[in-house]
Amino acid sequence: MSAAGLAVERPVGHTRLGSLASHLLLIATTLVVLLPLLWVLRTAFVDRYDAYLIPPKLDAPLTLENFHQIFVVDEFTPYIINSLIVAISVTALALLLGAPAAYAIARYRTGGSPLRIGLLIGQMFPPIVLVIPIFLIARDLGMDDTLTTLIIAYLASNVAFVIWSLVGYFSSIPKDAEEAALIDGCNRLQAIRRVLLPQALPGIFAAAVISFILSWNEFLFALILTGNVSRTFPVAIASLVSSRGVQIGPTCAAVTAIVLPTALFALLIKRFLVRGIALGGVKG
């Protein structure tokens, strides 16, 4: 075989080896992420005795005992409703306030670079720095242990996130279509509604899903700002860990219940979600 032939074959071999290595790395990473979740799912459907067994009993019979414990005995349903109210309210308000602000920044450079940098810096503060002042203010106003306080606290950070993510997405949408709509007789709001919004839906969906997940899963603010009346699902799950030990079966059932809504929601709109996240980072 000639030297020229060897020179052609080597890159092909290196490419295949690199592809194999990358696939093995992706498989290993996926297993690291998925196996704990699958283990939680399996433990949620076995009885309490089998949940504690080490090594585990792989052929343990399946049961709904743990779900009966959290939904009927421990009555977690009101906490799930509280979480849904907070997450849906925060997501809706964050989009209502954040999308117009993001459009103004993307199209008219409102606030310039200082505003963008300010939004980014505001996201860098650790939550523990803010939760105590918010708690003291809520207590002085008589708003402690209310869902309203929790919604306001979440909204402060989620609006900044929605603005930051949608600015990049709006900037990636050409202005030509809007300008053509204006020439055809549309006013600015009509041009936004008929031309911009259909193109911006993937980015808006992506921001909505992530905002919902951030509110649905948040624990620290909910732990400090809520009580028996406004307790959310993550805080209720933490109550399953006590001085007597961890109730592994009910805890896994509760974790399964808290993960499923966001997972199903993301799967339903995954096409928009992937496109929105990808294009949202094109321009800052």
C-alpha atoms as a PDB file:
ATOM      1  CA  MET A   1       0.000   0.000   0.000  1.00  0.00           C
ATOM      2  CA  SER A   2       1.368   3.427  -0.881  1.00  0.00           C
ATOM      3  CA  ALA A   3       2.245   6.106   1.595  1.00  0.00           C
ATOM      4  CA  ALA A   4      -0.542   8.221   0.130  1.00  0.00           C
ATOM      5  CA  GLY A   5      -3.056   5.463   0.899  1.00  0.00           C
ATOM      6  CA  LEU A   6      -1.878   5.240   4.497  1.00  0.00           C
ATOM      7  CA  ALA A   7      -2.165   8.991   4.824  1.00  0.00           C
ATOM      8  CA  VAL A   8      -5.812   8.759   3.787  1.00  0.00           C
ATOM      9  CA  GLU A   9      -6.699   5.820   6.048  1.00  0.00           C
ATOM     10  CA  ARG A  10      -5.270   7.168   9.297  1.00  0.00           C
ATOM     11  CA  PRO A  11      -7.654  10.112   9.676  1.00  0.00           C
ATOM     12  CA  VAL A  12     -10.610   7.747   9.100  1.00  0.00           C
ATOM     13  CA  GLY A  13      -9.396   5.438  11.890  1.00  0.00           C
ATOM     14  CA  HIS A  14      -8.783   8.354  14.203  1.00  0.00           C
ATOM     15  CA  THR A  15     -12.259   9.698  13.424  1.00  0.00           C
ATOM     16  CA  ARG A  16     -13.902   6.367  14.242  1.00  0.00           C
ATOM     17  CA  LEU A  17     -11.904   6.021  17.440  1.00  0.00           C
ATOM     18  CA  GLY A  18     -12.837   9.541  18.469  1.00  0.00           C
ATOM     19  CA  SER A  19     -16.494   8.888  17.669  1.00  0.00           C
ATOM     20  CA  LEU A  20     -16.447   5.675  19.718  1.00  0.00           C
ATOM     21  CA  ALA A  21     -14.787   7.437  22.657  1.00  0.00           C
ATOM     22  CA  SER A  22     -17.298  10.296  22.555  1.00  0.00           C
ATOM     23  CA  HIS A  23     -20.232   7.843  22.453  1.00  0.00           C
ATOM     24  CA  LEU A  24     -18.827   5.882  25.390  1.00  0.00           C
ATOM     25  CA  LEU A  25     -18.371   9.118  27.331  1.00  0.00           C
ATOM     26  CA  LEU A  26     -21.938  10.188  26.570  1.00  0.00           C
ATOM     27  CA  ILE A  27     -23.299   6.774  27.597  1.00  0.00           C
ATOM     28  CA  ALA A  28     -21.333   6.858  30.858  1.00  0.00           C
ATOM     29  CA  THR A  29     -22.508  10.415  31.615  1.00  0.00           C
ATOM     30  CA  THR A  30     -26.122   9.472  30.841  1.00  0.00           C
ATOM     31  CA  LEU A  31     -25.930   6.473  33.169  1.00  0.00           C
ATOM     32  CA  VAL A  32     -24.486   8.620  35.960  1.00  0.00           C
ATOM     33  CA  VAL A  33     -27.476  10.961  35.617  1.00  0.00           C
ATOM     34  CA  LEU A  34     -30.222   8.408  34.988  1.00  0.00           C
ATOM     35  CA  LEU A  35     -29.349   5.521  37.299  1.00  0.00           C
ATOM     36  CA  PRO A  36     -30.028   7.459  40.541  1.00  0.00           C
ATOM     37  CA  LEU A  37     -33.357   8.635  39.111  1.00  0.00           C
ATOM     38  CA  LEU A  38     -34.280   5.117  38.051  1.00  0.00           C
ATOM     39  CA  TRP A  39     -33.315   3.861  41.510  1.00  0.00           C
ATOM     40  CA  VAL A  40     -35.558   6.478  43.142  1.00  0.00           C
ATOM     41  CA  LEU A  41     -38.393   5.438  40.810  1.00  0.00           C
ATOM     42  CA  ARG A  42     -37.906   1.757  41.686  1.00  0.00           C
ATOM     43  CA  THR A  43     -37.775   2.466  45.428  1.00  0.00           C
ATOM     44  CA  ALA A  44     -40.981   4.506  45.223  1.00  0.00           C
ATOM     45  CA  PHE A  45     -42.905   1.383  44.207  1.00  0.00           C
ATOM     46  CA  VAL A  46     -41.619  -1.123  46.790  1.00  0.00           C
ATOM     47  CA  ASP A  47     -42.770  -1.475  50.385  1.00  0.00           C
ATOM     48  CA  ARG A  48     -40.939   0.175  53.265  1.00  0.00           C
ATOM     49  CA  TYR A  49     -39.125  -2.969  54.349  1.00  0.00           C
ATOM     50  CA  ASP A  50     -37.702  -3.653  50.858  1.00  0.00           C
ATOM     51  CA  ALA A  51     -36.721   0.015  50.487  1.00  0.00           C
ATOM     52  CA  TYR A  52     -34.234  -0.343  53.354  1.00  0.00           C
ATOM     53  CA  LEU A  53     -32.663  -3.626  52.230  1.00  0.00           C
ATOM     54  CA  ILE A  54     -28.922  -3.599  51.436  1.00  0.00           C
ATOM     55  CA  PRO A  55     -28.149  -5.278  49.095  1.00  0.00           C
ATOM     56  CA  PRO A  56     -31.492  -4.509  47.470  1.00  0.00           C
ATOM     57  CA  LYS A  57     -34.043  -7.125  46.606  1.00  0.00           C
ATOM     58  CA  LEU A  58     -34.381  -6.661  42.852  1.00  0.00           C
ATOM     59  CA  ASP A  59     -37.464  -8.856  42.532  1.00  0.00           C
ATOM     60  CA  ALA A  60     -39.387  -7.077  45.292  1.00  0.00           C
ATOM     61  CA  PRO A  61     -43.142  -6.857  44.586  1.00  0.00           C
ATOM     62  CA  LEU A  62     -44.446  -3.491  43.443  1.00  0.00           C
ATOM     63  CA  THR A  63     -46.898  -1.550  45.571  1.00  0.00           C
ATOM     64  CA  LEU A  64     -48.496   1.916  45.863  1.00  0.00           C
ATOM     65  CA  GLU A  65     -48.072   1.956  49.638  1.00  0.00           C
ATOM     66  CA  ASN A  66     -45.602   4.862  49.597  1.00  0.00           C
ATOM     67  CA  PHE A  67     -47.878   7.035  47.461  1.00  0.00           C
ATOM     68  CA  HIS A  68     -50.776   6.228  49.778  1.00  0.00           C
ATOM     69  CA  GLN A  69     -48.585   7.360  52.659  1.00  0.00           C
ATOM     70  CA  ILE A  70     -47.760  10.791  51.242  1.00  0.00           C
ATOM     71  CA  PHE A  71     -51.102  11.601  49.604  1.00  0.00           C
ATOM     72  CA  VAL A  72     -53.592  10.056  52.055  1.00  0.00           C
ATOM     73  CA  VAL A  73     -51.868   9.622  55.412  1.00  0.00           C
ATOM     74  CA  ASP A  74     -49.501  12.616  55.359  1.00  0.00           C
ATOM     75  CA  GLU A  75     -51.886  14.700  53.190  1.00  0.00           C
ATOM     76  CA  PHE A  76     -49.322  16.287  50.885  1.00  0.00           C
ATOM     77  CA  THR A  77     -51.938  17.318  48.311  1.00  0.00           C
ATOM     78  CA  PRO A  78     -52.388  20.895  49.698  1.00  0.00           C
ATOM     79  CA  TYR A  79     -48.619  21.406  49.492  1.00  0.00           C
ATOM     80  CA  ILE A  80     -48.615  20.292  45.850  1.00  0.00           C
ATOM     81  CA  ILE A  81     -51.430  22.742  45.145  1.00  0.00           C
ATOM     82  CA  ASN A  82     -49.437  25.517  46.844  1.00  0.00           C
ATOM     83  CA  SER A  83     -46.415  24.717  44.684  1.00  0.00           C
ATOM     84  CA  LEU A  84     -48.531  24.736  41.529  1.00  0.00           C
ATOM     85  CA  ILE A  85     -50.126  28.078  42.422  1.00  0.00           C
ATOM     86  CA  VAL A  86     -46.735  29.652  43.101  1.00  0.00           C
ATOM     87  CA  ALA A  87     -44.965  28.180  40.060  1.00  0.00           C
ATOM     88  CA  ILE A  88     -47.747  29.016  37.581  1.00  0.00           C
ATOM     89  CA  SER A  89     -48.232  32.539  38.985  1.00  0.00           C
ATOM     90  CA  VAL A  90     -44.513  33.321  38.960  1.00  0.00           C
ATOM     91  CA  THR A  91     -44.071  31.967  35.434  1.00  0.00           C
ATOM     92  CA  ALA A  92     -47.029  33.927  34.056  1.00  0.00           C
ATOM     93  CA  LEU A  93     -46.003  37.190  35.758  1.00  0.00           C
ATOM     94  CA  ALA A  94     -42.341  36.766  34.839  1.00  0.00           C
ATOM     95  CA  LEU A  95     -43.244  36.383  31.163  1.00  0.00           C
ATOM     96  CA  LEU A  96     -45.757  39.236  31.308  1.00  0.00           C
ATOM     97  CA  LEU A  97     -43.155  41.603  32.769  1.00  0.00           C
ATOM     98  CA  GLY A  98     -39.965  40.161  31.333  1.00  0.00           C
ATOM     99  CA  ALA A  99     -40.868  39.677  27.661  1.00  0.00           C
ATOM    100  CA  PRO A 100     -41.695  43.373  26.960  1.00  0.00           C
ATOM    101  CA  ALA A 101     -38.573  44.456  28.870  1.00  0.00           C
ATOM    102  CA  ALA A 102     -36.431  42.003  26.891  1.00  0.00           C
ATOM    103  CA  TYR A 103     -37.936  43.283  23.620  1.00  0.00           C
ATOM    104  CA  ALA A 104     -37.172  46.886  24.575  1.00  0.00           C
ATOM    105  CA  ILE A 105     -33.580  46.038  25.450  1.00  0.00           C
ATOM    106  CA  ALA A 106     -33.064  43.955  22.286  1.00  0.00           C
ATOM    107  CA  ARG A 107     -34.626  46.414  19.841  1.00  0.00           C
ATOM    108  CA  TYR A 108     -34.000  49.829  21.411  1.00  0.00           C
ATOM    109  CA  ARG A 109     -30.955  49.111  23.637  1.00  0.00           C
ATOM    110  CA  THR A 110     -32.911  50.391  26.628  1.00  0.00           C
ATOM    111  CA  GLY A 111     -30.592  50.843  29.581  1.00  0.00           C
ATOM    112  CA  GLY A 112     -27.553  49.912  27.516  1.00  0.00           C
ATOM    113  CA  SER A 113     -24.813  47.647  28.813  1.00  0.00           C
ATOM    114  CA  PRO A 114     -25.160  48.802  32.462  1.00  0.00           C
ATOM    115  CA  LEU A 115     -28.703  47.373  32.629  1.00  0.00           C
ATOM    116  CA  ARG A 116     -27.606  44.021  31.222  1.00  0.00           C
ATOM    117  CA  ILE A 117     -24.648  43.848  33.571  1.00  0.00           C
ATOM    118  CA  GLY A 118     -26.918  44.812  36.470  1.00  0.00           C
ATOM    119  CA  LEU A 119     -29.301  41.965  35.637  1.00  0.00           C
ATOM    120  CA  LEU A 120     -26.384  39.535  35.558  1.00  0.00           C
ATOM    121  CA  ILE A 121     -24.900  40.800  38.821  1.00  0.00           C
ATOM    122  CA  GLY A 122     -28.290  40.508  40.501  1.00  0.00           C
ATOM    123  CA  GLN A 123     -28.309  36.791  39.682  1.00  0.00           C
ATOM    124  CA  MET A 124     -24.910  36.314  41.346  1.00  0.00           C
ATOM    125  CA  PHE A 125     -26.068  37.044  44.889  1.00  0.00           C
ATOM    126  CA  PRO A 126     -26.410  33.884  47.010  1.00  0.00           C
ATOM    127  CA  PRO A 127     -30.064  33.338  48.000  1.00  0.00           C
ATOM    128  CA  ILE A 128     -29.145  33.248  51.697  1.00  0.00           C
ATOM    129  CA  VAL A 129     -28.089  36.918  51.440  1.00  0.00           C
ATOM    130  CA  LEU A 130     -31.600  37.933  50.383  1.00  0.00           C
ATOM    131  CA  VAL A 131     -33.900  35.544  52.224  1.00  0.00           C
ATOM    132  CA  ILE A 132     -33.431  37.027  55.718  1.00  0.00           C
ATOM    133  CA  PRO A 133     -34.178  40.655  54.702  1.00  0.00           C
ATOM    134  CA  ILE A 134     -37.207  39.485  52.730  1.00  0.00           C
ATOM    135  CA  PHE A 135     -38.431  37.491  55.731  1.00  0.00           C
ATOM    136  CA  LEU A 136     -38.067  40.513  58.055  1.00  0.00           C
ATOM    137  CA  ILE A 137     -39.913  42.791  55.625  1.00  0.00           C
ATOM    138  CA  ALA A 138     -42.712  40.242  55.169  1.00  0.00           C
ATOM    139  CA  ARG A 139     -43.046  39.809  58.933  1.00  0.00           C
ATOM    140  CA  ASP A 140     -43.250  43.572  59.519  1.00  0.00           C
ATOM    141  CA  LEU A 141     -45.935  43.874  56.822  1.00  0.00           C
ATOM    142  CA  GLY A 142     -47.907  40.942  58.230  1.00  0.00           C
ATOM    143  CA  MET A 143     -47.320  38.915  55.064  1.00  0.00           C
ATOM    144  CA  ASP A 144     -45.380  36.025  56.552  1.00  0.00           C
ATOM    145  CA  ASP A 145     -46.665  32.520  55.809  1.00  0.00           C
ATOM    146  CA  THR A 146     -48.468  33.641  52.637  1.00  0.00           C
ATOM    147  CA  LEU A 147     -48.156  32.511  49.040  1.00  0.00           C
ATOM    148  CA  THR A 148     -48.102  36.169  47.951  1.00  0.00           C
ATOM    149  CA  THR A 149     -44.775  36.745  49.688  1.00  0.00           C
ATOM    150  CA  LEU A 150     -43.309  33.647  48.083  1.00  0.00           C
ATOM    151  CA  ILE A 151     -44.538  34.700  44.633  1.00  0.00           C
ATOM    152  CA  ILE A 152     -42.991  38.163  45.012  1.00  0.00           C
ATOM    153  CA  ALA A 153     -39.693  36.701  46.224  1.00  0.00           C
ATOM    154  CA  TYR A 154     -39.490  34.253  43.312  1.00  0.00           C
ATOM    155  CA  LEU A 155     -40.615  36.874  40.823  1.00  0.00           C
ATOM    156  CA  ALA A 156     -37.702  39.165  41.692  1.00  0.00           C
ATOM    157  CA  SER A 157     -35.183  36.617  40.436  1.00  0.00           C
ATOM    158  CA  ASN A 158     -37.247  34.964  37.703  1.00  0.00           C
ATOM    159  CA  VAL A 159     -38.019  38.230  35.912  1.00  0.00           C
ATOM    160  CA  ALA A 160     -34.300  38.939  35.641  1.00  0.00           C
ATOM    161  CA  PHE A 161     -33.717  35.436  34.270  1.00  0.00           C
ATOM    162  CA  VAL A 162     -36.523  35.763  31.706  1.00  0.00           C
ATOM    163  CA  ILE A 163     -35.220  39.151  30.544  1.00  0.00           C
ATOM    164  CA  TRP A 164     -31.660  37.901  30.238  1.00  0.00           C
ATOM    165  CA  SER A 165     -32.641  34.800  28.250  1.00  0.00           C
ATOM    166  CA  LEU A 166     -35.153  36.520  25.942  1.00  0.00           C
ATOM    167  CA  VAL A 167     -32.893  39.457  25.095  1.00  0.00           C
ATOM    168  CA  GLY A 168     -30.564  37.087  23.282  1.00  0.00           C
ATOM    169  CA  TYR A 169     -33.478  35.386  21.552  1.00  0.00           C
ATOM    170  CA  PHE A 170     -35.159  38.599  20.405  1.00  0.00           C
ATOM    171  CA  SER A 171     -31.807  39.894  19.150  1.00  0.00           C
ATOM    172  CA  SER A 172     -31.484  36.810  16.923  1.00  0.00           C
ATOM    173  CA  ILE A 173     -34.797  37.578  15.143  1.00  0.00           C
ATOM    174  CA  PRO A 174     -34.301  39.881  12.122  1.00  0.00           C
ATOM    175  CA  LYS A 175     -36.043  43.252  12.164  1.00  0.00           C
ATOM    176  CA  ASP A 176     -37.002  43.071   8.481  1.00  0.00           C
ATOM    177  CA  ALA A 177     -40.317  41.272   8.998  1.00  0.00           C
ATOM    178  CA  GLU A 178     -41.435  43.777  11.644  1.00  0.00           C
ATOM    179  CA  GLU A 179     -40.460  46.704   9.440  1.00  0.00           C
ATOM    180  CA  ALA A 180     -42.373  45.181   6.520  1.00  0.00           C
ATOM    181  CA  ALA A 181     -45.472  44.831   8.732  1.00  0.00           C
ATOM    182  CA  LEU A 182     -45.156  48.490   9.752  1.00  0.00           C
ATOM    183  CA  ILE A 183     -44.920  49.532   6.107  1.00  0.00           C
ATOM    184  CA  ASP A 184     -48.056  47.480   5.347  1.00  0.00           C
ATOM    185  CA  GLY A 185     -50.030  49.507   7.884  1.00  0.00           C
ATOM    186  CA  CYS A 186     -49.630  47.627  11.170  1.00  0.00           C
ATOM    187  CA  ASN A 187     -48.843  49.560  14.300  1.00  0.00           C
ATOM    188  CA  ARG A 188     -46.030  48.439  16.567  1.00  0.00           C
ATOM    189  CA  LEU A 189     -48.203  46.204  18.774  1.00  0.00           C
ATOM    190  CA  GLN A 190     -49.803  44.524  15.757  1.00  0.00           C
ATOM    191  CA  ALA A 191     -46.388  43.888  14.236  1.00  0.00           C
ATOM    192  CA  ILE A 192     -45.188  42.325  17.477  1.00  0.00           C
ATOM    193  CA  ARG A 193     -48.311  40.155  17.827  1.00  0.00           C
ATOM    194  CA  ARG A 194     -48.512  38.977  14.210  1.00  0.00           C
ATOM    195  CA  VAL A 195     -44.834  38.797  13.248  1.00  0.00           C
ATOM    196  CA  LEU A 196     -42.516  38.694  16.252  1.00  0.00           C
ATOM    197  CA  LEU A 197     -44.433  36.498  18.686  1.00  0.00           C
ATOM    198  CA  PRO A 198     -44.861  33.504  16.324  1.00  0.00           C
ATOM    199  CA  GLN A 199     -41.091  33.505  15.751  1.00  0.00           C
ATOM    200  CA  ALA A 200     -40.353  34.046  19.436  1.00  0.00           C
ATOM    201  CA  LEU A 201     -42.528  31.193  20.755  1.00  0.00           C
ATOM    202  CA  PRO A 202     -39.629  28.707  21.124  1.00  0.00           C
ATOM    203  CA  GLY A 203     -37.674  31.166  23.248  1.00  0.00           C
ATOM    204  CA  ILE A 204     -40.739  32.077  25.306  1.00  0.00           C
ATOM    205  CA  PHE A 205     -41.536  28.392  25.876  1.00  0.00           C
ATOM    206  CA  ALA A 206     -37.960  27.736  26.968  1.00  0.00           C
ATOM    207  CA  ALA A 207     -38.013  30.658  29.411  1.00  0.00           C
ATOM    208  CA  ALA A 208     -41.422  29.554  30.732  1.00  0.00           C
ATOM    209  CA  VAL A 209     -40.309  25.963  31.366  1.00  0.00           C
ATOM    210  CA  ILE A 210     -37.119  26.957  33.152  1.00  0.00           C
ATOM    211  CA  SER A 211     -38.929  29.629  35.182  1.00  0.00           C
ATOM    212  CA  PHE A 212     -41.549  27.058  36.191  1.00  0.00           C
ATOM    213  CA  ILE A 213     -38.879  24.539  37.219  1.00  0.00           C
ATOM    214  CA  LEU A 214     -36.972  27.145  39.248  1.00  0.00           C
ATOM    215  CA  SER A 215     -40.136  28.048  41.157  1.00  0.00           C
ATOM    216  CA  TRP A 216     -41.410  24.474  41.494  1.00  0.00           C
ATOM    217  CA  ASN A 217     -38.147  23.125  42.916  1.00  0.00           C
ATOM    218  CA  GLU A 218     -37.019  26.091  45.047  1.00  0.00           C
ATOM    219  CA  PHE A 219     -36.408  25.147  48.671  1.00  0.00           C
ATOM    220  CA  LEU A 220     -34.521  27.790  50.687  1.00  0.00           C
ATOM    221  CA  PHE A 221     -36.979  30.693  50.310  1.00  0.00           C
ATOM    222  CA  ALA A 222     -39.923  28.328  50.790  1.00  0.00           C
ATOM    223  CA  LEU A 223     -38.363  26.945  53.981  1.00  0.00           C
ATOM    224  CA  ILE A 224     -37.855  30.388  55.537  1.00  0.00           C
ATOM    225  CA  LEU A 225     -40.902  32.267  54.238  1.00  0.00           C
ATOM    226  CA  THR A 226     -43.641  29.646  54.595  1.00  0.00           C
ATOM    227  CA  GLY A 227     -45.390  27.965  57.490  1.00  0.00           C
ATOM    228  CA  ASN A 228     -48.183  25.455  57.889  1.00  0.00           C
ATOM    229  CA  VAL A 229     -50.552  27.402  55.633  1.00  0.00           C
ATOM    230  CA  SER A 230     -48.304  28.158  52.643  1.00  0.00           C
ATOM    231  CA  ARG A 231     -45.835  25.254  52.815  1.00  0.00           C
ATOM    232  CA  THR A 232     -44.732  24.031  49.384  1.00  0.00           C
ATOM    233  CA  PHE A 233     -44.013  20.513  48.157  1.00  0.00           C
ATOM    234  CA  PRO A 234     -40.178  20.626  48.502  1.00  0.00           C
ATOM    235  CA  VAL A 235     -40.477  21.736  52.129  1.00  0.00           C
ATOM    236  CA  ALA A 236     -43.021  18.987  52.790  1.00  0.00           C
ATOM    237  CA  ILE A 237     -40.608  16.416  51.366  1.00  0.00           C
ATOM    238  CA  ALA A 238     -37.922  17.635  53.756  1.00  0.00           C
ATOM    239  CA  SER A 239     -40.255  16.840  56.665  1.00  0.00           C
ATOM    240  CA  LEU A 240     -39.866  13.145  55.817  1.00  0.00           C
ATOM    241  CA  VAL A 241     -36.302  13.411  57.117  1.00  0.00           C
ATOM    242  CA  SER A 242     -36.505  13.544  60.923  1.00  0.00           C
ATOM    243  CA  SER A 243     -34.522  12.632  64.011  1.00  0.00           C
ATOM    244  CA  ARG A 244     -35.970   9.126  63.742  1.00  0.00           C
ATOM    245  CA  GLY A 245     -34.363   8.673  60.326  1.00  0.00           C
ATOM    246  CA  VAL A 246     -35.272   8.982  56.671  1.00  0.00           C
ATOM    247  CA  GLN A 247     -38.529   7.492  55.416  1.00  0.00           C
ATOM    248  CA  ILE A 248     -36.909   6.212  52.241  1.00  0.00           C
ATOM    249  CA  GLY A 249     -39.991   4.778  50.530  1.00  0.00           C
ATOM    250  CA  PRO A 250     -42.287   7.807  51.007  1.00  0.00           C
ATOM    251  CA  THR A 251     -39.390  10.167  50.223  1.00  0.00           C
ATOM    252  CA  CYS A 252     -38.742   8.430  46.887  1.00  0.00           C
ATOM    253  CA  ALA A 253     -42.474   8.496  46.128  1.00  0.00           C
ATOM    254  CA  ALA A 254     -42.578  12.229  46.847  1.00  0.00           C
ATOM    255  CA  VAL A 255     -39.474  12.847  44.718  1.00  0.00           C
ATOM    256  CA  THR A 256     -41.102  10.910  41.866  1.00  0.00           C
ATOM    257  CA  ALA A 257     -44.254  13.008  42.231  1.00  0.00           C
ATOM    258  CA  ILE A 258     -42.298  16.274  42.165  1.00  0.00           C
ATOM    259  CA  VAL A 259     -40.185  15.316  39.151  1.00  0.00           C
ATOM    260  CA  LEU A 260     -42.942  13.938  36.912  1.00  0.00           C
ATOM    261  CA  PRO A 261     -44.860  17.213  36.199  1.00  0.00           C
ATOM    262  CA  THR A 262     -41.775  19.100  35.019  1.00  0.00           C
ATOM    263  CA  ALA A 263     -40.464  16.090  33.072  1.00  0.00           C
ATOM    264  CA  LEU A 264     -43.787  15.621  31.269  1.00  0.00           C
ATOM    265  CA  PHE A 265     -44.104  19.349  30.619  1.00  0.00           C
ATOM    266  CA  ALA A 266     -40.597  19.496  29.148  1.00  0.00           C
ATOM    267  CA  LEU A 267     -41.225  16.408  26.987  1.00  0.00           C
ATOM    268  CA  LEU A 268     -44.422  17.883  25.561  1.00  0.00           C
ATOM    269  CA  ILE A 269     -42.628  20.975  24.273  1.00  0.00           C
ATOM    270  CA  LYS A 270     -39.072  19.624  23.936  1.00  0.00           C
ATOM    271  CA  ARG A 271     -38.798  20.751  20.314  1.00  0.00           C
ATOM    272  CA  PHE A 272     -39.493  24.359  21.294  1.00  0.00           C
ATOM    273  CA  LEU A 273     -37.395  24.027  24.438  1.00  0.00           C
ATOM    274  CA  VAL A 274     -34.218  22.881  22.649  1.00  0.00           C
ATOM    275  CA  ARG A 275     -34.558  25.467  19.908  1.00  0.00           C
ATOM    276  CA  GLY A 276     -35.289  28.249  22.397  1.00  0.00           C
ATOM    277  CA  ILE A 277     -32.297  27.459  24.616  1.00  0.00           C
ATOM    278  CA  ALA A 278     -29.982  27.122  21.613  1.00  0.00           C
ATOM    279  CA  LEU A 279     -31.019  30.360  19.905  1.00  0.00           C
ATOM    280  CA  GLY A 280     -31.329  32.266  23.163  1.00  0.00           C
ATOM    281  CA  GLY A 281     -27.576  32.076  23.603  1.00  0.00           C
ATOM    282  CA  VAL A 282     -26.685  33.293  20.110  1.00  0.00           C
ATOM    283  CA  LYS A 283     -26.513  36.947  21.076  1.00  0.00           C
ATOM    284  CA  GLY A 284     -26.137  38.532  24.447  1.00  0.00           C
END
